[in-house]
N, C-alpha and C. Protein backbone atom coordinates (compact mmCIF):
# COMPACT_ATOMS: atom_id res chain seq x y z
N MET A 1 -10.13 -11.05 12.98
CA MET A 1 -9.93 -12.31 12.28
C MET A 1 -11.24 -12.88 11.75
N LEU A 2 -12.31 -12.72 12.53
CA LEU A 2 -13.61 -13.22 12.09
C LEU A 2 -14.06 -12.52 10.81
N THR A 3 -13.66 -11.28 10.64
CA THR A 3 -13.98 -10.54 9.42
C THR A 3 -13.46 -11.26 8.18
N TYR A 4 -12.25 -11.79 8.26
CA TYR A 4 -11.68 -12.52 7.13
C TYR A 4 -12.39 -13.84 6.89
N VAL A 5 -12.88 -14.47 7.95
CA VAL A 5 -13.65 -15.70 7.79
C VAL A 5 -14.95 -15.39 7.05
N TYR A 6 -15.64 -14.32 7.48
CA TYR A 6 -16.86 -13.90 6.78
C TYR A 6 -16.58 -13.62 5.31
N LEU A 7 -15.49 -12.91 5.07
CA LEU A 7 -15.15 -12.56 3.69
C LEU A 7 -14.83 -13.80 2.87
N ALA A 8 -14.09 -14.72 3.43
CA ALA A 8 -13.73 -15.96 2.71
C ALA A 8 -14.97 -16.78 2.37
N ILE A 9 -15.88 -16.90 3.33
CA ILE A 9 -17.11 -17.66 3.07
C ILE A 9 -17.97 -16.93 2.04
N ALA A 10 -17.98 -15.59 2.10
CA ALA A 10 -18.72 -14.81 1.11
C ALA A 10 -18.19 -15.06 -0.29
N VAL A 11 -16.87 -15.12 -0.42
CA VAL A 11 -16.26 -15.38 -1.73
C VAL A 11 -16.65 -16.77 -2.23
N VAL A 12 -16.56 -17.77 -1.37
CA VAL A 12 -16.91 -19.13 -1.77
C VAL A 12 -18.39 -19.21 -2.16
N ALA A 13 -19.25 -18.56 -1.38
CA ALA A 13 -20.68 -18.56 -1.70
C ALA A 13 -20.94 -17.89 -3.05
N GLU A 14 -20.23 -16.79 -3.32
CA GLU A 14 -20.40 -16.10 -4.60
C GLU A 14 -19.94 -16.98 -5.75
N VAL A 15 -18.87 -17.70 -5.57
CA VAL A 15 -18.36 -18.60 -6.63
C VAL A 15 -19.35 -19.75 -6.85
N ILE A 16 -19.90 -20.28 -5.78
CA ILE A 16 -20.92 -21.33 -5.92
C ILE A 16 -22.13 -20.77 -6.66
N GLY A 17 -22.55 -19.56 -6.29
CA GLY A 17 -23.69 -18.94 -6.96
C GLY A 17 -23.44 -18.69 -8.43
N THR A 18 -22.25 -18.24 -8.76
CA THR A 18 -21.91 -17.98 -10.16
C THR A 18 -21.85 -19.28 -10.95
N SER A 19 -21.31 -20.32 -10.36
CA SER A 19 -21.27 -21.62 -11.03
C SER A 19 -22.68 -22.16 -11.24
N ALA A 20 -23.52 -22.01 -10.23
CA ALA A 20 -24.91 -22.47 -10.35
C ALA A 20 -25.68 -21.62 -11.34
N LEU A 21 -25.33 -20.34 -11.45
CA LEU A 21 -25.99 -19.46 -12.40
C LEU A 21 -25.82 -19.98 -13.83
N LYS A 22 -24.61 -20.43 -14.14
CA LYS A 22 -24.38 -21.00 -15.47
C LYS A 22 -25.23 -22.26 -15.65
N ALA A 23 -25.29 -23.08 -14.60
CA ALA A 23 -26.05 -24.33 -14.68
C ALA A 23 -27.57 -24.09 -14.69
N SER A 24 -28.01 -22.90 -14.25
CA SER A 24 -29.45 -22.62 -14.19
C SER A 24 -30.05 -22.43 -15.58
N ASP A 25 -29.18 -22.24 -16.58
CA ASP A 25 -29.62 -22.07 -17.97
C ASP A 25 -30.66 -20.96 -18.08
N GLY A 26 -30.25 -19.77 -17.62
CA GLY A 26 -31.15 -18.62 -17.69
C GLY A 26 -32.32 -18.72 -16.73
N PHE A 27 -32.10 -19.31 -15.58
CA PHE A 27 -33.12 -19.53 -14.55
C PHE A 27 -34.27 -20.40 -15.05
N THR A 28 -33.97 -21.33 -15.96
CA THR A 28 -34.99 -22.26 -16.43
C THR A 28 -34.93 -23.60 -15.72
N ARG A 29 -33.89 -23.82 -14.93
CA ARG A 29 -33.75 -25.06 -14.16
C ARG A 29 -33.86 -24.71 -12.68
N LEU A 30 -34.82 -25.31 -11.99
CA LEU A 30 -35.18 -24.93 -10.62
C LEU A 30 -34.04 -25.11 -9.63
N GLY A 31 -33.41 -26.28 -9.59
CA GLY A 31 -32.36 -26.56 -8.60
C GLY A 31 -31.21 -25.56 -8.66
N PRO A 32 -30.58 -25.43 -9.82
CA PRO A 32 -29.49 -24.46 -9.91
C PRO A 32 -29.94 -23.01 -9.67
N SER A 33 -31.17 -22.70 -10.06
CA SER A 33 -31.69 -21.34 -9.83
C SER A 33 -31.83 -21.06 -8.34
N LEU A 34 -32.34 -22.01 -7.58
CA LEU A 34 -32.47 -21.85 -6.13
C LEU A 34 -31.09 -21.78 -5.46
N LEU A 35 -30.17 -22.60 -5.95
CA LEU A 35 -28.81 -22.56 -5.40
C LEU A 35 -28.16 -21.21 -5.68
N THR A 36 -28.38 -20.67 -6.86
CA THR A 36 -27.85 -19.35 -7.20
C THR A 36 -28.37 -18.30 -6.23
N ALA A 37 -29.68 -18.26 -6.05
CA ALA A 37 -30.29 -17.25 -5.17
C ALA A 37 -29.81 -17.40 -3.73
N ALA A 38 -29.77 -18.61 -3.24
CA ALA A 38 -29.33 -18.84 -1.86
C ALA A 38 -27.85 -18.48 -1.68
N SER A 39 -27.03 -18.85 -2.64
CA SER A 39 -25.60 -18.58 -2.55
C SER A 39 -25.32 -17.08 -2.56
N TYR A 40 -26.00 -16.36 -3.45
CA TYR A 40 -25.80 -14.91 -3.50
C TYR A 40 -26.33 -14.24 -2.23
N ALA A 41 -27.43 -14.72 -1.69
CA ALA A 41 -27.95 -14.16 -0.44
C ALA A 41 -26.93 -14.33 0.68
N ILE A 42 -26.35 -15.52 0.78
CA ILE A 42 -25.32 -15.77 1.79
C ILE A 42 -24.10 -14.88 1.55
N ALA A 43 -23.67 -14.80 0.30
CA ALA A 43 -22.49 -14.00 -0.04
C ALA A 43 -22.69 -12.53 0.35
N PHE A 44 -23.83 -11.96 0.00
CA PHE A 44 -24.05 -10.55 0.30
C PHE A 44 -24.27 -10.31 1.79
N TYR A 45 -24.91 -11.25 2.47
CA TYR A 45 -25.07 -11.10 3.92
C TYR A 45 -23.70 -11.09 4.60
N LEU A 46 -22.85 -12.04 4.25
CA LEU A 46 -21.53 -12.11 4.88
C LEU A 46 -20.65 -10.93 4.47
N LEU A 47 -20.80 -10.47 3.23
CA LEU A 47 -20.08 -9.26 2.83
C LEU A 47 -20.54 -8.07 3.66
N SER A 48 -21.83 -8.00 3.96
CA SER A 48 -22.33 -6.89 4.78
C SER A 48 -21.74 -6.93 6.19
N LEU A 49 -21.51 -8.13 6.72
CA LEU A 49 -20.87 -8.25 8.03
C LEU A 49 -19.41 -7.81 7.96
N THR A 50 -18.77 -8.12 6.85
CA THR A 50 -17.39 -7.68 6.65
C THR A 50 -17.30 -6.16 6.61
N LEU A 51 -18.31 -5.53 6.02
CA LEU A 51 -18.29 -4.07 5.88
C LEU A 51 -18.48 -3.34 7.21
N ARG A 52 -18.86 -4.05 8.24
CA ARG A 52 -18.93 -3.43 9.57
C ARG A 52 -17.55 -3.02 10.06
N VAL A 53 -16.54 -3.75 9.61
CA VAL A 53 -15.17 -3.56 10.11
C VAL A 53 -14.25 -3.00 9.03
N MET A 54 -14.39 -3.48 7.82
CA MET A 54 -13.46 -3.17 6.74
C MET A 54 -14.05 -2.10 5.83
N PRO A 55 -13.23 -1.17 5.35
CA PRO A 55 -13.73 -0.17 4.40
C PRO A 55 -14.31 -0.83 3.14
N THR A 56 -15.35 -0.22 2.61
CA THR A 56 -16.06 -0.79 1.47
C THR A 56 -15.14 -1.06 0.28
N GLY A 57 -14.32 -0.10 -0.09
CA GLY A 57 -13.44 -0.26 -1.24
C GLY A 57 -12.47 -1.42 -1.09
N VAL A 58 -11.91 -1.55 0.08
CA VAL A 58 -10.95 -2.62 0.34
C VAL A 58 -11.67 -3.97 0.37
N ALA A 59 -12.80 -4.04 1.07
CA ALA A 59 -13.55 -5.30 1.15
C ALA A 59 -13.99 -5.75 -0.24
N TYR A 60 -14.48 -4.82 -1.03
CA TYR A 60 -14.94 -5.18 -2.37
C TYR A 60 -13.78 -5.60 -3.26
N ALA A 61 -12.65 -4.92 -3.13
CA ALA A 61 -11.47 -5.31 -3.92
C ALA A 61 -11.03 -6.73 -3.58
N LEU A 62 -11.01 -7.05 -2.30
CA LEU A 62 -10.61 -8.40 -1.89
C LEU A 62 -11.65 -9.42 -2.34
N TRP A 63 -12.93 -9.11 -2.12
CA TRP A 63 -14.01 -10.03 -2.48
C TRP A 63 -14.01 -10.30 -3.98
N SER A 64 -13.95 -9.26 -4.77
CA SER A 64 -13.99 -9.46 -6.22
C SER A 64 -12.70 -10.09 -6.74
N GLY A 65 -11.56 -9.69 -6.17
CA GLY A 65 -10.29 -10.25 -6.61
C GLY A 65 -10.20 -11.75 -6.36
N PHE A 66 -10.49 -12.14 -5.13
CA PHE A 66 -10.48 -13.57 -4.82
C PHE A 66 -11.54 -14.31 -5.63
N GLY A 67 -12.71 -13.68 -5.80
CA GLY A 67 -13.79 -14.31 -6.56
C GLY A 67 -13.41 -14.56 -8.00
N ILE A 68 -12.77 -13.57 -8.62
CA ILE A 68 -12.35 -13.72 -10.02
C ILE A 68 -11.36 -14.87 -10.18
N VAL A 69 -10.39 -14.91 -9.30
CA VAL A 69 -9.39 -15.97 -9.37
C VAL A 69 -10.02 -17.34 -9.12
N LEU A 70 -10.86 -17.42 -8.10
CA LEU A 70 -11.46 -18.72 -7.75
C LEU A 70 -12.42 -19.20 -8.83
N ILE A 71 -13.26 -18.31 -9.37
CA ILE A 71 -14.19 -18.75 -10.41
C ILE A 71 -13.44 -19.14 -11.68
N SER A 72 -12.32 -18.49 -11.94
CA SER A 72 -11.51 -18.88 -13.10
C SER A 72 -10.95 -20.29 -12.92
N LEU A 73 -10.49 -20.59 -11.71
CA LEU A 73 -9.97 -21.93 -11.43
C LEU A 73 -11.07 -22.98 -11.48
N VAL A 74 -12.23 -22.66 -10.91
CA VAL A 74 -13.37 -23.59 -10.94
C VAL A 74 -13.78 -23.86 -12.38
N SER A 75 -13.87 -22.80 -13.18
CA SER A 75 -14.24 -22.96 -14.59
C SER A 75 -13.22 -23.79 -15.36
N TYR A 76 -11.96 -23.61 -15.02
CA TYR A 76 -10.89 -24.38 -15.67
C TYR A 76 -11.02 -25.87 -15.32
N VAL A 77 -11.24 -26.15 -14.04
CA VAL A 77 -11.28 -27.55 -13.59
C VAL A 77 -12.57 -28.24 -14.02
N TRP A 78 -13.72 -27.63 -13.76
CA TRP A 78 -14.99 -28.31 -14.00
C TRP A 78 -15.54 -28.14 -15.40
N SER A 79 -15.31 -27.00 -16.00
CA SER A 79 -15.88 -26.76 -17.33
C SER A 79 -14.84 -26.85 -18.44
N HIS A 80 -13.60 -27.11 -18.05
CA HIS A 80 -12.50 -27.24 -19.00
C HIS A 80 -12.35 -25.99 -19.88
N GLN A 81 -12.63 -24.83 -19.28
CA GLN A 81 -12.42 -23.57 -19.98
C GLN A 81 -10.95 -23.21 -19.87
N SER A 82 -10.33 -22.99 -21.01
CA SER A 82 -8.89 -22.76 -21.00
C SER A 82 -8.55 -21.32 -20.62
N LEU A 83 -7.37 -21.17 -20.06
CA LEU A 83 -6.82 -19.86 -19.72
C LEU A 83 -5.53 -19.69 -20.51
N ASP A 84 -5.46 -18.62 -21.31
CA ASP A 84 -4.24 -18.37 -22.07
C ASP A 84 -3.25 -17.57 -21.23
N GLY A 85 -2.10 -17.31 -21.79
CA GLY A 85 -1.04 -16.60 -21.08
C GLY A 85 -1.46 -15.26 -20.50
N PRO A 86 -2.10 -14.40 -21.32
CA PRO A 86 -2.54 -13.11 -20.77
C PRO A 86 -3.56 -13.26 -19.62
N ALA A 87 -4.44 -14.24 -19.72
CA ALA A 87 -5.42 -14.46 -18.64
C ALA A 87 -4.71 -14.88 -17.36
N ILE A 88 -3.75 -15.77 -17.48
CA ILE A 88 -2.99 -16.22 -16.31
C ILE A 88 -2.18 -15.07 -15.73
N ALA A 89 -1.58 -14.26 -16.60
CA ALA A 89 -0.82 -13.10 -16.12
C ALA A 89 -1.75 -12.12 -15.38
N GLY A 90 -2.93 -11.89 -15.93
CA GLY A 90 -3.89 -11.00 -15.29
C GLY A 90 -4.33 -11.51 -13.93
N LEU A 91 -4.58 -12.81 -13.85
CA LEU A 91 -4.94 -13.40 -12.56
C LEU A 91 -3.80 -13.26 -11.57
N GLY A 92 -2.57 -13.42 -12.05
CA GLY A 92 -1.42 -13.22 -11.17
C GLY A 92 -1.34 -11.80 -10.64
N LEU A 93 -1.67 -10.83 -11.50
CA LEU A 93 -1.67 -9.43 -11.06
C LEU A 93 -2.78 -9.18 -10.03
N ILE A 94 -3.91 -9.82 -10.20
CA ILE A 94 -4.99 -9.68 -9.21
C ILE A 94 -4.53 -10.23 -7.87
N ILE A 95 -3.91 -11.41 -7.89
CA ILE A 95 -3.39 -11.99 -6.65
C ILE A 95 -2.35 -11.07 -6.03
N ALA A 96 -1.47 -10.52 -6.85
CA ALA A 96 -0.46 -9.59 -6.34
C ALA A 96 -1.11 -8.37 -5.69
N GLY A 97 -2.16 -7.86 -6.30
CA GLY A 97 -2.87 -6.72 -5.73
C GLY A 97 -3.50 -7.04 -4.39
N VAL A 98 -4.08 -8.21 -4.26
CA VAL A 98 -4.67 -8.63 -2.99
C VAL A 98 -3.58 -8.76 -1.92
N VAL A 99 -2.45 -9.31 -2.30
CA VAL A 99 -1.33 -9.44 -1.36
C VAL A 99 -0.84 -8.06 -0.91
N VAL A 100 -0.70 -7.14 -1.83
CA VAL A 100 -0.25 -5.79 -1.49
C VAL A 100 -1.22 -5.13 -0.52
N ILE A 101 -2.51 -5.24 -0.80
CA ILE A 101 -3.51 -4.66 0.10
C ILE A 101 -3.37 -5.24 1.50
N ASN A 102 -3.26 -6.56 1.59
CA ASN A 102 -3.22 -7.22 2.89
C ASN A 102 -1.92 -6.95 3.66
N LEU A 103 -0.81 -6.86 2.95
CA LEU A 103 0.47 -6.69 3.63
C LEU A 103 0.85 -5.25 3.91
N PHE A 104 0.45 -4.34 3.04
CA PHE A 104 0.97 -2.98 3.14
C PHE A 104 -0.04 -1.88 3.38
N SER A 105 -1.33 -2.16 3.22
CA SER A 105 -2.32 -1.10 3.37
C SER A 105 -2.71 -0.90 4.83
N ASN A 106 -2.78 0.35 5.23
CA ASN A 106 -3.28 0.70 6.56
C ASN A 106 -4.80 0.81 6.55
N SER A 107 -5.42 0.72 5.39
CA SER A 107 -6.87 0.84 5.27
C SER A 107 -7.62 -0.28 5.96
N LEU A 108 -6.99 -1.42 6.13
CA LEU A 108 -7.67 -2.57 6.74
C LEU A 108 -7.93 -2.35 8.22
N SER A 109 -7.19 -1.48 8.85
CA SER A 109 -7.32 -1.31 10.29
C SER A 109 -8.35 -0.25 10.67
N HIS A 110 -8.97 0.40 9.70
CA HIS A 110 -9.94 1.46 10.01
C HIS A 110 -11.34 0.94 10.08
C-alpha cells in the first residue's frame, strides 16, 4: 500500500514541477525554476522507491497516465486551456487503461 502512496505523491510532485516549469519562463524566473527542480527531484526519488516493488513498465504507465490526466485538469482549471472532444476521449482511455492495469494485471504483484 505504501508503494501506491509513493507513486501518488510522485505524480503530484511531477504535476507541480510541470506547472512550475511553464511559470519558470525557460528557467528565467528563479522561484518557479527552483520549484521545478525540487518537484522533479521529489517525483523521481519517490518513483525510484515505487520501482523497488512494482515493475518498471507498470509503474511508469501508471505514473505517466495519472500525470497526463492530472496536468490536463490543472491546465484546464488554472490556465483555461480548453480540451476538445478527442482530448477528453483520449484522457478517458488513459484512465481506462490505468483501471485495467490495477484491476486485472498480475504484474503489480511481482
